[in-house]
């Protein structure tokens, strides 16, 4: 036999033996520890393991705790979902036809000849809501103003798939709350229980219900991350509950619920760089909303209480000159003439520390508390004036007008007096250390200050001829002025006296 033939046979026999060994070793393979795979006739057949018995490796005591928590979540979800609804809305908007100015023949061609070029179009959106009240066959759904406030058509979809025509009862842009009604003679449709949001604490377990991204009747779970959120980017009329329970677009208007199945807030907005949930969701506390339900049903709107004070958060330098450096409160920088505050005796420069026996901790808190006061009721205020606490001041609250923010001409004195610090001296290039007083800032258009031709950056050194060296002295003289006032102003190295303003 030739050498190459022998080599061929040896190689062939070796290959056959290797294949046999590999086949034997691969006859049985474990896949992911749960399925057994065998090879037969070149075909892979998978035989799955039997379903294992319930958890046998977690201690029974520990497992019972987890099961109890799961049972609680299930119960809360089953209890709440029937009262949680999807709110589908249609809004009619207008736009101006860009071809309106071309004239004939373009006007006739585009169908806009002889009109202002405005056209209507419809947009659709959705949000969430929760049934909070029943009156005979009418049920009321609480949601956000940005969900239903501008809607021309509203559809309410229940958990069981039934749909009803909704009607807008009332909406409030300032609080971002709306109330929608629908009718049904089905008395089994449940109404959610409203809890007490004043009892909510950071760390509390909570659940968010709604229709995130259109996936209706969804629930997510997390904790309350913080309470009392009212930073400047938020509305100052609500102190939001912050939660890490996933909230996305479509969740707006849905309820935030505690472990007892009680509604503690209405999900309103998220802080996100991507547009999706990043664990920063915010809900309006339900206690802020309870009274608005009655206001919507009775009047179709929220009637806010009005004091007539322009409030200001002040820094440590300001508080020190004012003599309130260790006190919480809200500074009354300006007063609307003829307002409840003006009639009641609150003056510019007063530091408000109490309202109806409740301590004032911040401007936002006082704004909210005054807003919730009923028009026609008398409120009691405690203020610090000139470093001294005055007896209670009684003020009869009025209803806040819609155009109050535009009434700058009624603001007295029409500017804010700021502290003349060393940094401000440098910026104003005041080298003379003998110049003392307060700096004029934030002059309001059409106000008394504007009529006296005062400028931002002027330094007031005297009021009605009496020298003032700090904020406290300035506001004391301002309060003492009777029927007329003028100011000595230092500016550009010289001092002038303004004309006299009569009031």
Protein backbone atom coordinates (compact mmCIF):
# COMPACT_ATOMS: atom_id res chain seq x y z
CA UNK A 1 0.00 0.00 0.00
CA UNK A 2 1.34 3.38 -0.87
CA UNK A 3 2.32 5.76 1.90
CA UNK A 4 -0.28 8.41 0.99
CA UNK A 5 -3.05 5.78 1.08
CA UNK A 6 -2.04 4.65 4.60
CA UNK A 7 -1.96 8.29 5.77
CA UNK A 8 -5.43 8.86 4.38
CA UNK A 9 -6.85 5.84 6.18
CA UNK A 10 -5.23 6.83 9.47
CA UNK A 11 -6.68 10.35 9.22
CA UNK A 12 -10.14 9.04 8.37
CA UNK A 13 -10.16 6.66 11.34
CA UNK A 14 -9.02 9.46 13.67
CA UNK A 15 -11.78 11.72 12.43
CA UNK A 16 -14.45 9.06 12.96
CA UNK A 17 -13.27 8.45 16.54
CA UNK A 18 -13.25 12.20 17.34
CA UNK A 19 -16.76 12.64 15.96
CA UNK A 20 -17.96 9.75 18.09
CA UNK A 21 -16.48 11.26 21.25
CA UNK A 22 -17.99 14.68 20.53
CA UNK A 23 -21.41 13.13 19.85
CA UNK A 24 -21.32 11.24 23.15
CA UNK A 25 -20.34 14.36 25.13
CA UNK A 26 -23.05 16.45 23.46
CA UNK A 27 -25.82 13.92 23.83
CA UNK A 28 -27.15 15.87 26.78
CA UNK A 29 -26.75 19.65 27.29
CA UNK A 30 -28.21 21.90 30.00
CA UNK A 31 -29.51 25.20 28.60
CA UNK A 32 -29.78 28.07 31.08
CA UNK A 33 -30.37 25.56 33.80
CA UNK A 34 -34.07 25.25 32.90
CA UNK A 35 -34.37 23.28 29.68
CA UNK A 36 -32.69 20.07 28.51
CA UNK A 37 -31.48 19.95 24.91
CA UNK A 38 -30.74 16.71 22.99
CA UNK A 39 -29.51 16.11 19.46
CA UNK A 40 -31.01 13.33 17.35
CA UNK A 41 -30.67 12.84 13.63
CA UNK A 42 -29.06 16.27 13.39
CA UNK A 43 -32.13 18.02 14.83
CA UNK A 44 -32.18 19.98 18.10
CA UNK A 45 -35.15 19.12 20.31
CA UNK A 46 -35.84 21.18 23.48
CA UNK A 47 -37.62 19.68 26.45
CA UNK A 48 -38.54 22.32 29.08
CA UNK A 49 -38.37 21.53 32.75
CA UNK A 50 -41.54 21.21 34.75
CA UNK A 51 -42.84 24.33 36.52
CA UNK A 52 -41.15 24.39 39.93
CA UNK A 53 -43.04 24.53 43.18
CA UNK A 54 -43.57 27.87 44.94
CA UNK A 55 -40.51 29.51 46.48
CA UNK A 56 -38.96 27.02 48.88
CA UNK A 57 -35.73 28.84 49.69
CA UNK A 58 -37.07 32.14 51.18
CA UNK A 59 -37.88 31.90 54.89
CA UNK A 60 -41.63 31.75 55.43
CA UNK A 61 -41.61 34.70 57.83
CA UNK A 62 -39.82 36.96 55.34
CA UNK A 63 -42.01 35.78 52.47
CA UNK A 64 -45.19 36.55 54.41
CA UNK A 65 -44.09 40.19 54.80
CA UNK A 66 -43.50 40.58 51.06
CA UNK A 67 -46.78 38.85 50.25
CA UNK A 68 -48.62 41.19 52.61
CA UNK A 69 -47.10 44.19 50.82
CA UNK A 70 -48.07 42.75 47.44
CA UNK A 71 -51.60 42.10 48.70
CA UNK A 72 -51.79 45.73 49.84
CA UNK A 73 -50.74 46.98 46.39
CA UNK A 74 -53.25 44.67 44.70
CA UNK A 75 -56.07 45.82 46.97
CA UNK A 76 -55.28 49.50 46.48
CA UNK A 77 -55.07 49.06 42.71
CA UNK A 78 -58.34 47.11 42.49
CA UNK A 79 -60.03 49.71 44.68
CA UNK A 80 -58.81 52.77 42.78
CA UNK A 81 -58.78 51.73 39.11
CA UNK A 82 -62.59 51.85 38.66
CA UNK A 83 -62.57 55.52 39.70
CA UNK A 84 -59.57 56.44 37.51
CA UNK A 85 -60.46 57.58 33.99
CA UNK A 86 -58.79 58.45 30.73
CA UNK A 87 -59.64 61.96 29.53
CA UNK A 88 -59.58 62.32 25.73
CA UNK A 89 -59.86 65.90 24.51
CA UNK A 90 -60.22 67.83 21.28
CA UNK A 91 -59.21 71.47 21.08
CA UNK A 92 -60.11 73.87 18.29
CA UNK A 93 -57.31 76.31 17.52
CA UNK A 94 -56.82 79.04 14.95
CA UNK A 95 -53.94 79.97 12.71
CA UNK A 96 -53.39 82.79 10.24
CA UNK A 97 -53.10 81.75 6.59
CA UNK A 98 -49.66 82.96 5.39
CA UNK A 99 -51.07 83.57 1.88
CA UNK A 100 -53.66 86.11 3.08
CA UNK A 101 -51.63 89.15 1.96
CA UNK A 102 -51.00 88.04 -1.63
CA UNK A 103 -54.34 89.23 -2.93
CA UNK A 104 -56.02 88.14 -6.17
CA UNK A 105 -55.64 85.63 -7.77
CA UNK A 106 -53.91 83.90 -4.85
CA UNK A 107 -56.64 84.88 -2.43
CA UNK A 108 -59.42 83.22 -4.44
CA UNK A 109 -57.19 80.22 -5.23
CA UNK A 110 -56.46 79.55 -1.58
CA UNK A 111 -59.98 80.38 -0.50
CA UNK A 112 -59.18 83.35 1.74
CA UNK A 113 -60.30 86.31 -0.34
CA UNK A 114 -62.22 88.94 1.59
CA UNK A 115 -61.40 87.65 5.13
CA UNK A 116 -58.65 88.01 7.71
CA UNK A 117 -56.96 84.76 6.71
CA UNK A 118 -57.68 82.99 10.01
CA UNK A 119 -58.43 79.27 9.88
CA UNK A 120 -59.46 76.73 12.48
CA UNK A 121 -58.00 73.29 13.07
CA UNK A 122 -58.44 70.59 15.66
CA UNK A 123 -55.84 68.96 17.88
CA UNK A 124 -56.33 65.89 20.02
CA UNK A 125 -54.76 64.97 23.33
CA UNK A 126 -55.28 62.82 26.35
CA UNK A 127 -54.69 62.84 30.04
CA UNK A 128 -56.01 61.23 33.17
CA UNK A 129 -58.54 62.02 35.85
CA UNK A 130 -60.21 60.67 38.96
CA UNK A 131 -63.89 60.60 39.93
CA UNK A 132 -64.23 62.64 43.13
CA UNK A 133 -67.96 63.31 43.53
CA UNK A 134 -71.42 62.10 42.57
CA UNK A 135 -74.67 64.12 42.52
CA UNK A 136 -77.61 61.95 41.42
CA UNK A 137 -76.64 60.76 37.94
CA UNK A 138 -73.83 63.28 37.49
CA UNK A 139 -70.26 62.32 38.28
CA UNK A 140 -67.40 64.79 38.60
CA UNK A 141 -63.85 64.11 37.43
CA UNK A 142 -60.85 66.05 38.71
CA UNK A 143 -58.03 66.61 36.21
CA UNK A 144 -55.53 69.29 35.14
CA UNK A 145 -56.36 72.55 33.41
CA UNK A 146 -53.66 71.84 30.82
CA UNK A 147 -55.51 68.60 30.01
CA UNK A 148 -59.12 69.78 29.71
CA UNK A 149 -59.19 73.54 30.30
CA UNK A 150 -59.18 74.47 26.61
CA UNK A 151 -61.12 71.48 25.28
CA UNK A 152 -64.06 71.82 22.89
CA UNK A 153 -64.85 68.10 23.11
CA UNK A 154 -64.21 65.79 26.06
CA UNK A 155 -64.58 62.03 26.27
CA UNK A 156 -64.35 60.13 29.57
CA UNK A 157 -63.24 56.49 29.32
CA UNK A 158 -63.74 54.24 32.33
CA UNK A 159 -61.63 51.30 33.43
CA UNK A 160 -64.15 48.84 31.94
CA UNK A 161 -63.95 50.49 28.50
CA UNK A 162 -67.21 52.44 28.61
CA UNK A 163 -67.05 55.97 27.22
CA UNK A 164 -69.13 59.02 28.15
CA UNK A 165 -69.37 62.55 26.83
CA UNK A 166 -67.75 64.94 29.27
CA UNK A 167 -68.52 68.60 29.96
CA UNK A 168 -66.14 71.17 31.42
CA UNK A 169 -67.54 72.42 34.72
CA UNK A 170 -64.69 74.81 35.53
CA UNK A 171 -60.97 75.31 35.11
CA UNK A 172 -58.25 77.37 36.75
CA UNK A 173 -54.98 78.09 34.96
CA UNK A 174 -53.25 79.49 38.03
CA UNK A 175 -53.60 76.23 40.01
CA UNK A 176 -53.72 74.03 36.87
CA UNK A 177 -56.90 72.26 37.96
CA UNK A 178 -60.09 71.48 36.03
CA UNK A 179 -63.36 69.72 36.85
CA UNK A 180 -65.24 67.71 34.22
CA UNK A 181 -68.65 66.04 34.56
CA UNK A 182 -70.40 63.14 32.83
CA UNK A 183 -73.74 61.44 33.40
CA UNK A 184 -74.55 57.80 34.13
CA UNK A 185 -77.35 56.06 36.01
CA UNK A 186 -74.94 53.27 37.00
CA UNK A 187 -74.68 53.70 40.77
CA UNK A 188 -71.87 51.14 40.99
CA UNK A 189 -69.31 53.52 39.46
CA UNK A 190 -67.15 54.29 42.52
CA UNK A 191 -66.01 57.66 43.79
CA UNK A 192 -62.44 57.92 45.06
CA UNK A 193 -61.75 58.75 48.70
CA UNK A 194 -59.83 61.99 49.25
CA UNK A 195 -57.12 61.78 51.89
CA UNK A 196 -55.33 64.36 54.02
CA UNK A 197 -52.21 65.60 52.21
CA UNK A 198 -51.08 67.48 55.32
CA UNK A 199 -50.18 64.08 56.79
CA UNK A 200 -47.92 63.13 53.88
CA UNK A 201 -44.23 62.76 54.75
CA UNK A 202 -41.10 62.08 52.73
CA UNK A 203 -40.55 58.33 52.57
CA UNK A 204 -44.26 57.43 52.44
CA UNK A 205 -45.14 54.71 49.92
CA UNK A 206 -47.36 56.01 47.13
CA UNK A 207 -48.85 54.92 43.80
CA UNK A 208 -49.50 56.95 40.65
CA UNK A 209 -52.49 56.07 38.44
CA UNK A 210 -53.34 57.21 34.94
CA UNK A 211 -52.75 56.74 31.22
CA UNK A 212 -49.00 57.35 30.69
CA UNK A 213 -48.17 57.64 26.97
CA UNK A 214 -51.71 56.46 26.23
CA UNK A 215 -51.42 53.17 28.17
CA UNK A 216 -54.60 53.67 30.14
CA UNK A 217 -55.34 52.30 33.60
CA UNK A 218 -51.68 51.99 34.52
CA UNK A 219 -50.22 52.11 38.00
CA UNK A 220 -46.66 52.77 39.18
CA UNK A 221 -45.29 52.63 42.69
CA UNK A 222 -42.65 54.59 44.55
CA UNK A 223 -42.22 56.83 47.54
CA UNK A 224 -42.82 60.46 48.39
CA UNK A 225 -39.43 62.06 47.72
CA UNK A 226 -40.25 65.44 49.29
CA UNK A 227 -43.12 67.73 50.23
CA UNK A 228 -43.62 71.48 50.03
CA UNK A 229 -41.87 71.92 46.68
CA UNK A 230 -42.54 75.48 45.46
CA UNK A 231 -39.45 76.65 43.61
CA UNK A 232 -39.66 79.56 41.20
CA UNK A 233 -40.11 77.34 38.12
CA UNK A 234 -43.28 75.97 39.70
CA UNK A 235 -46.58 77.68 40.42
CA UNK A 236 -46.49 79.62 43.69
CA UNK A 237 -50.09 78.68 44.41
CA UNK A 238 -49.24 75.03 45.20
CA UNK A 239 -46.63 73.39 47.38
CA UNK A 240 -46.12 70.21 45.35
CA UNK A 241 -45.57 66.65 46.52
CA UNK A 242 -42.50 65.19 44.82
CA UNK A 243 -42.42 61.46 44.03
CA UNK A 244 -40.19 58.96 42.25
CA UNK A 245 -43.22 56.87 41.17
CA UNK A 246 -42.95 56.86 37.36
CA UNK A 247 -45.03 59.71 35.87
CA UNK A 248 -45.03 60.33 32.11
CA UNK A 249 -46.99 62.32 29.57
CA UNK A 250 -50.61 61.23 29.87
CA UNK A 251 -50.40 60.82 33.64
CA UNK A 252 -51.42 64.46 34.08
CA UNK A 253 -54.62 64.70 36.08
CA UNK A 254 -54.36 61.20 37.51
CA UNK A 255 -54.32 60.59 41.25
CA UNK A 256 -51.36 60.06 43.56
CA UNK A 257 -52.54 57.58 46.19
CA UNK A 258 -51.31 56.45 49.61
CA UNK A 259 -51.24 52.88 50.94
CA UNK A 260 -54.77 53.32 52.31
CA UNK A 261 -56.18 53.90 48.83
CA UNK A 262 -56.79 57.60 49.49
CA UNK A 263 -56.05 60.31 46.93
CA UNK A 264 -53.32 62.57 48.32
CA UNK A 265 -52.52 64.53 45.15
CA UNK A 266 -53.17 65.15 41.47
CA UNK A 267 -50.20 64.35 39.20
CA UNK A 268 -49.36 67.50 37.28
CA UNK A 269 -45.86 67.73 35.84
CA UNK A 270 -42.40 66.18 35.66
CA UNK A 271 -38.87 67.55 35.66
CA UNK A 272 -37.10 65.83 32.78
CA UNK A 273 -34.34 66.44 30.27
CA UNK A 274 -35.72 63.76 27.95
CA UNK A 275 -39.48 64.29 28.21
CA UNK A 276 -39.88 60.97 30.02
CA UNK A 277 -39.86 59.94 33.65
CA UNK A 278 -36.60 60.49 35.48
CA UNK A 279 -37.95 59.97 38.96
CA UNK A 280 -38.95 63.62 39.41
CA UNK A 281 -42.73 63.79 39.36
CA UNK A 282 -44.87 66.42 41.09
CA UNK A 283 -48.46 66.34 42.32
CA UNK A 284 -50.73 69.08 43.66
CA UNK A 285 -51.64 68.23 47.29
CA UNK A 286 -55.30 67.27 47.49
CA UNK A 287 -55.92 69.61 50.44
CA UNK A 288 -55.09 72.52 48.10
CA UNK A 289 -57.84 71.36 45.76
CA UNK A 290 -60.76 70.26 47.96
CA UNK A 291 -62.35 73.69 48.22
CA UNK A 292 -61.99 74.31 44.47
CA UNK A 293 -64.35 71.41 43.72
CA UNK A 294 -67.19 73.27 45.44
CA UNK A 295 -66.13 76.54 43.77
CA UNK A 296 -66.22 74.95 40.31
CA UNK A 297 -69.64 73.38 40.88
CA UNK A 298 -71.09 76.56 42.37
CA UNK A 299 -69.42 79.29 40.31
CA UNK A 300 -67.51 77.57 37.48
CA UNK A 301 -64.28 79.13 38.72
CA UNK A 302 -61.94 79.44 41.68
CA UNK A 303 -62.52 82.56 43.77
CA UNK A 304 -59.14 83.51 45.23
CA UNK A 305 -58.83 85.71 48.26
CA UNK A 306 -56.95 88.99 47.71
CA UNK A 307 -54.94 91.00 50.22
CA UNK A 308 -53.39 93.60 47.91
CA UNK A 309 -49.73 93.28 48.87
CA UNK A 310 -46.64 92.84 46.71
CA UNK A 311 -44.56 90.35 48.70
CA UNK A 312 -40.82 89.87 48.54
CA UNK A 313 -38.32 87.29 49.78
CA UNK A 314 -35.48 89.26 51.37
CA UNK A 315 -31.85 88.27 52.01
CA UNK A 316 -29.89 88.34 55.27
CA UNK A 317 -28.53 91.89 54.73
CA UNK A 318 -32.05 93.21 54.20
CA UNK A 319 -33.44 91.34 57.22
CA UNK A 320 -30.61 92.65 59.39
CA UNK A 321 -31.36 96.29 58.50
CA UNK A 322 -35.05 95.60 58.99
CA UNK A 323 -34.43 94.13 62.45
CA UNK A 324 -35.91 90.70 61.68
CA UNK A 325 -32.75 88.69 60.97
CA UNK A 326 -33.85 85.70 63.08
CA UNK A 327 -37.49 85.61 61.97
CA UNK A 328 -39.38 83.78 59.21
CA UNK A 329 -41.99 85.74 57.35
CA UNK A 330 -42.87 87.64 54.18
CA UNK A 331 -41.88 91.23 53.42
CA UNK A 332 -44.59 93.62 52.20
CA UNK A 333 -42.60 95.67 49.70
CA UNK A 334 -45.55 97.53 48.17
CA UNK A 335 -49.26 97.97 48.84
CA UNK A 336 -52.08 98.41 46.31
CA UNK A 337 -53.87 101.64 47.17
CA UNK A 338 -57.50 101.00 48.06
CA UNK A 339 -56.84 97.28 48.63
CA UNK A 340 -57.89 95.26 51.70
CA UNK A 341 -54.36 95.60 53.09
CA UNK A 342 -54.41 99.37 52.60
CA UNK A 343 -57.81 99.68 54.26
CA UNK A 344 -56.80 97.37 57.10
CA UNK A 345 -53.61 99.26 57.95
CA UNK A 346 -50.79 97.12 56.54
CA UNK A 347 -47.94 99.36 55.35
CA UNK A 348 -45.07 99.00 52.89
CA UNK A 349 -42.10 97.74 54.90
CA UNK A 350 -44.17 95.53 57.22
CA UNK A 351 -42.77 92.05 57.82
CA UNK A 352 -45.73 89.64 58.04
CA UNK A 353 -45.08 86.81 60.50
CA UNK A 354 -48.54 85.36 61.24
CA UNK A 355 -51.88 84.83 59.50
CA UNK A 356 -54.83 83.71 61.62
CA UNK A 357 -52.48 82.32 64.25
CA UNK A 358 -50.39 80.35 61.76
CA UNK A 359 -46.68 81.17 61.43
CA UNK A 360 -45.61 82.50 58.04
CA UNK A 361 -42.53 80.64 56.82
CA UNK A 362 -42.20 82.01 53.27
CA UNK A 363 -43.72 84.26 50.64
CA UNK A 364 -45.12 81.31 48.68
CA UNK A 365 -46.84 79.94 51.76
CA UNK A 366 -48.48 83.28 52.50
CA UNK A 367 -49.61 83.66 48.88
CA UNK A 368 -51.26 80.22 49.05
CA UNK A 369 -52.86 80.81 52.44
CA UNK A 370 -54.28 84.19 51.43
CA UNK A 371 -55.52 82.70 48.14
CA UNK A 372 -57.51 80.08 50.04
CA UNK A 373 -59.21 82.70 52.23
CA UNK A 374 -62.87 83.28 51.45
CA UNK A 375 -63.82 86.71 50.13
CA UNK A 376 -65.77 88.69 52.71
CA UNK A 377 -64.10 86.99 55.67
CA UNK A 378 -61.87 88.87 58.10
CA UNK A 379 -58.28 87.67 58.54
CA UNK A 380 -55.89 88.47 61.37
CA UNK A 381 -52.29 89.44 60.58
CA UNK A 382 -49.31 89.97 62.86
CA UNK A 383 -46.53 92.20 61.47
CA UNK A 384 -43.15 93.52 62.54
CA UNK A 385 -42.83 97.25 61.86
CA UNK A 386 -39.67 99.15 62.74
CA UNK A 387 -38.34 96.09 64.57
CA UNK A 388 -41.40 95.89 66.87
CA UNK A 389 -44.32 93.44 66.81
CA UNK A 390 -47.64 95.26 66.43
CA UNK A 391 -51.04 94.12 67.75
CA UNK A 392 -53.10 92.00 65.35
CA UNK A 393 -54.28 93.79 62.22
CA UNK A 394 -57.76 92.83 60.98
CA UNK A 395 -58.24 92.79 57.22
CA UNK A 396 -61.46 92.04 55.33
CA UNK A 397 -60.42 89.85 52.38
CA UNK A 398 -61.76 90.57 48.88
CA UNK A 399 -61.95 88.39 45.76
CA UNK A 400 -58.90 88.58 43.53
CA UNK A 401 -59.63 90.30 40.20
CA UNK A 402 -58.37 88.76 36.97
CA UNK A 403 -56.52 91.93 35.92
CA UNK A 404 -54.89 92.69 39.28
CA UNK A 405 -51.39 92.03 37.91
CA UNK A 406 -51.79 94.88 35.43
CA UNK A 407 -52.73 97.52 38.03
CA UNK A 408 -49.18 98.79 38.60
CA UNK A 409 -50.38 102.37 38.83
CA UNK A 410 -51.95 101.48 42.19
CA UNK A 411 -48.76 100.12 43.74
CA UNK A 412 -47.42 102.26 46.55
CA UNK A 413 -44.68 103.50 46.56
CA UNK A 414 -44.02 101.88 43.16
CA UNK A 415 -40.47 100.70 43.82
CA UNK A 416 -38.45 98.53 46.18
CA UNK A 417 -35.95 100.06 48.57
CA UNK A 418 -32.75 97.97 48.59
CA UNK A 419 -29.81 97.89 50.98
CA UNK A 420 -26.84 100.10 50.07
CA UNK A 421 -24.13 97.46 50.51
CA UNK A 422 -20.43 97.88 49.71
CA UNK A 423 -20.92 95.90 46.49
CA UNK A 424 -23.79 98.17 45.45
CA UNK A 425 -21.65 101.23 46.23
CA UNK A 426 -18.97 99.91 43.86
CA UNK A 427 -21.45 99.18 41.10
CA UNK A 428 -22.98 102.68 41.46
CA UNK A 429 -19.49 104.25 41.80
CA UNK A 430 -20.31 105.94 45.12
CA UNK A 431 -16.95 106.76 46.70
CA UNK A 432 -18.27 109.13 49.34
CA UNK A 433 -18.77 107.15 52.58
CA UNK A 434 -20.96 109.94 53.91
CA UNK A 435 -23.68 109.02 51.42
CA UNK A 436 -26.17 106.87 53.32
CA UNK A 437 -29.67 105.73 52.52
CA UNK A 438 -31.46 103.11 50.43
CA UNK A 439 -31.23 102.24 46.75
CA UNK A 440 -34.22 102.58 44.41
CA UNK A 441 -34.90 99.39 42.40
CA UNK A 442 -37.68 97.70 40.45
CA UNK A 443 -39.60 100.85 39.56
CA UNK A 444 -43.10 100.02 38.33
CA UNK A 445 -44.38 101.73 35.20
CA UNK A 446 -47.11 104.35 35.81
CA UNK A 447 -46.54 104.13 39.56
CA UNK A 448 -46.00 107.09 41.95
CA UNK A 449 -42.23 106.53 41.69
CA UNK A 450 -42.42 106.69 37.91
CA UNK A 451 -44.47 109.90 38.05
CA UNK A 452 -41.75 111.44 40.24
CA UNK A 453 -39.20 110.50 37.55
CA UNK A 454 -37.18 108.36 39.92
CA UNK A 455 -34.61 106.03 38.36
CA UNK A 456 -33.29 102.61 39.31
CA UNK A 457 -29.98 103.19 41.10
CA UNK A 458 -30.99 106.45 42.76
CA UNK A 459 -30.12 106.59 46.47
CA UNK A 460 -32.81 107.99 48.76
CA UNK A 461 -31.14 109.95 51.53
CA UNK A 462 -34.21 111.69 53.00
CA UNK A 463 -38.02 111.37 53.08
CA UNK A 464 -39.98 114.60 53.52
CA UNK A 465 -36.72 116.25 54.57
CA UNK A 466 -35.87 113.66 57.26
CA UNK A 467 -32.62 111.75 56.75
CA UNK A 468 -32.75 107.96 56.39
CA UNK A 469 -29.68 105.74 56.66
CA UNK A 470 -31.12 102.26 56.26
CA UNK A 471 -34.15 100.26 55.16
CA UNK A 472 -35.89 100.37 58.55
CA UNK A 473 -35.65 104.16 58.78
CA UNK A 474 -36.85 104.60 55.21
CA UNK A 475 -40.01 102.52 55.67
CA UNK A 476 -40.69 104.16 59.02
CA UNK A 477 -40.72 107.60 57.40
CA UNK A 478 -42.75 106.25 54.47
CA UNK A 479 -45.38 104.95 56.90
CA UNK A 480 -45.41 108.26 58.78
CA UNK A 481 -46.01 110.34 55.64
CA UNK A 482 -49.44 111.93 55.57
CA UNK A 483 -51.17 112.89 52.31
CA UNK A 484 -47.96 113.98 50.53
CA UNK A 485 -44.35 112.89 50.11
CA UNK A 486 -41.08 113.83 48.44
CA UNK A 487 -37.60 112.31 48.39
CA UNK A 488 -34.02 113.54 48.41
CA UNK A 489 -32.10 111.56 45.79
CA UNK A 490 -28.34 111.17 45.43
CA UNK A 491 -27.29 110.44 41.85
CA UNK A 492 -24.16 111.10 39.76
CA UNK A 493 -22.42 112.91 42.59
CA UNK A 494 -25.23 115.32 43.43
CA UNK A 495 -28.47 115.44 45.41
CA UNK A 496 -31.85 116.65 44.18
CA UNK A 497 -35.32 116.77 45.73
CA UNK A 498 -38.20 115.26 43.82
CA UNK A 499 -41.51 116.91 43.30
CA UNK A 500 -44.27 116.26 45.85
CA UNK A 501 -46.59 113.34 45.35
CA UNK A 502 -50.03 113.73 46.94
CA UNK A 503 -52.05 110.71 48.00
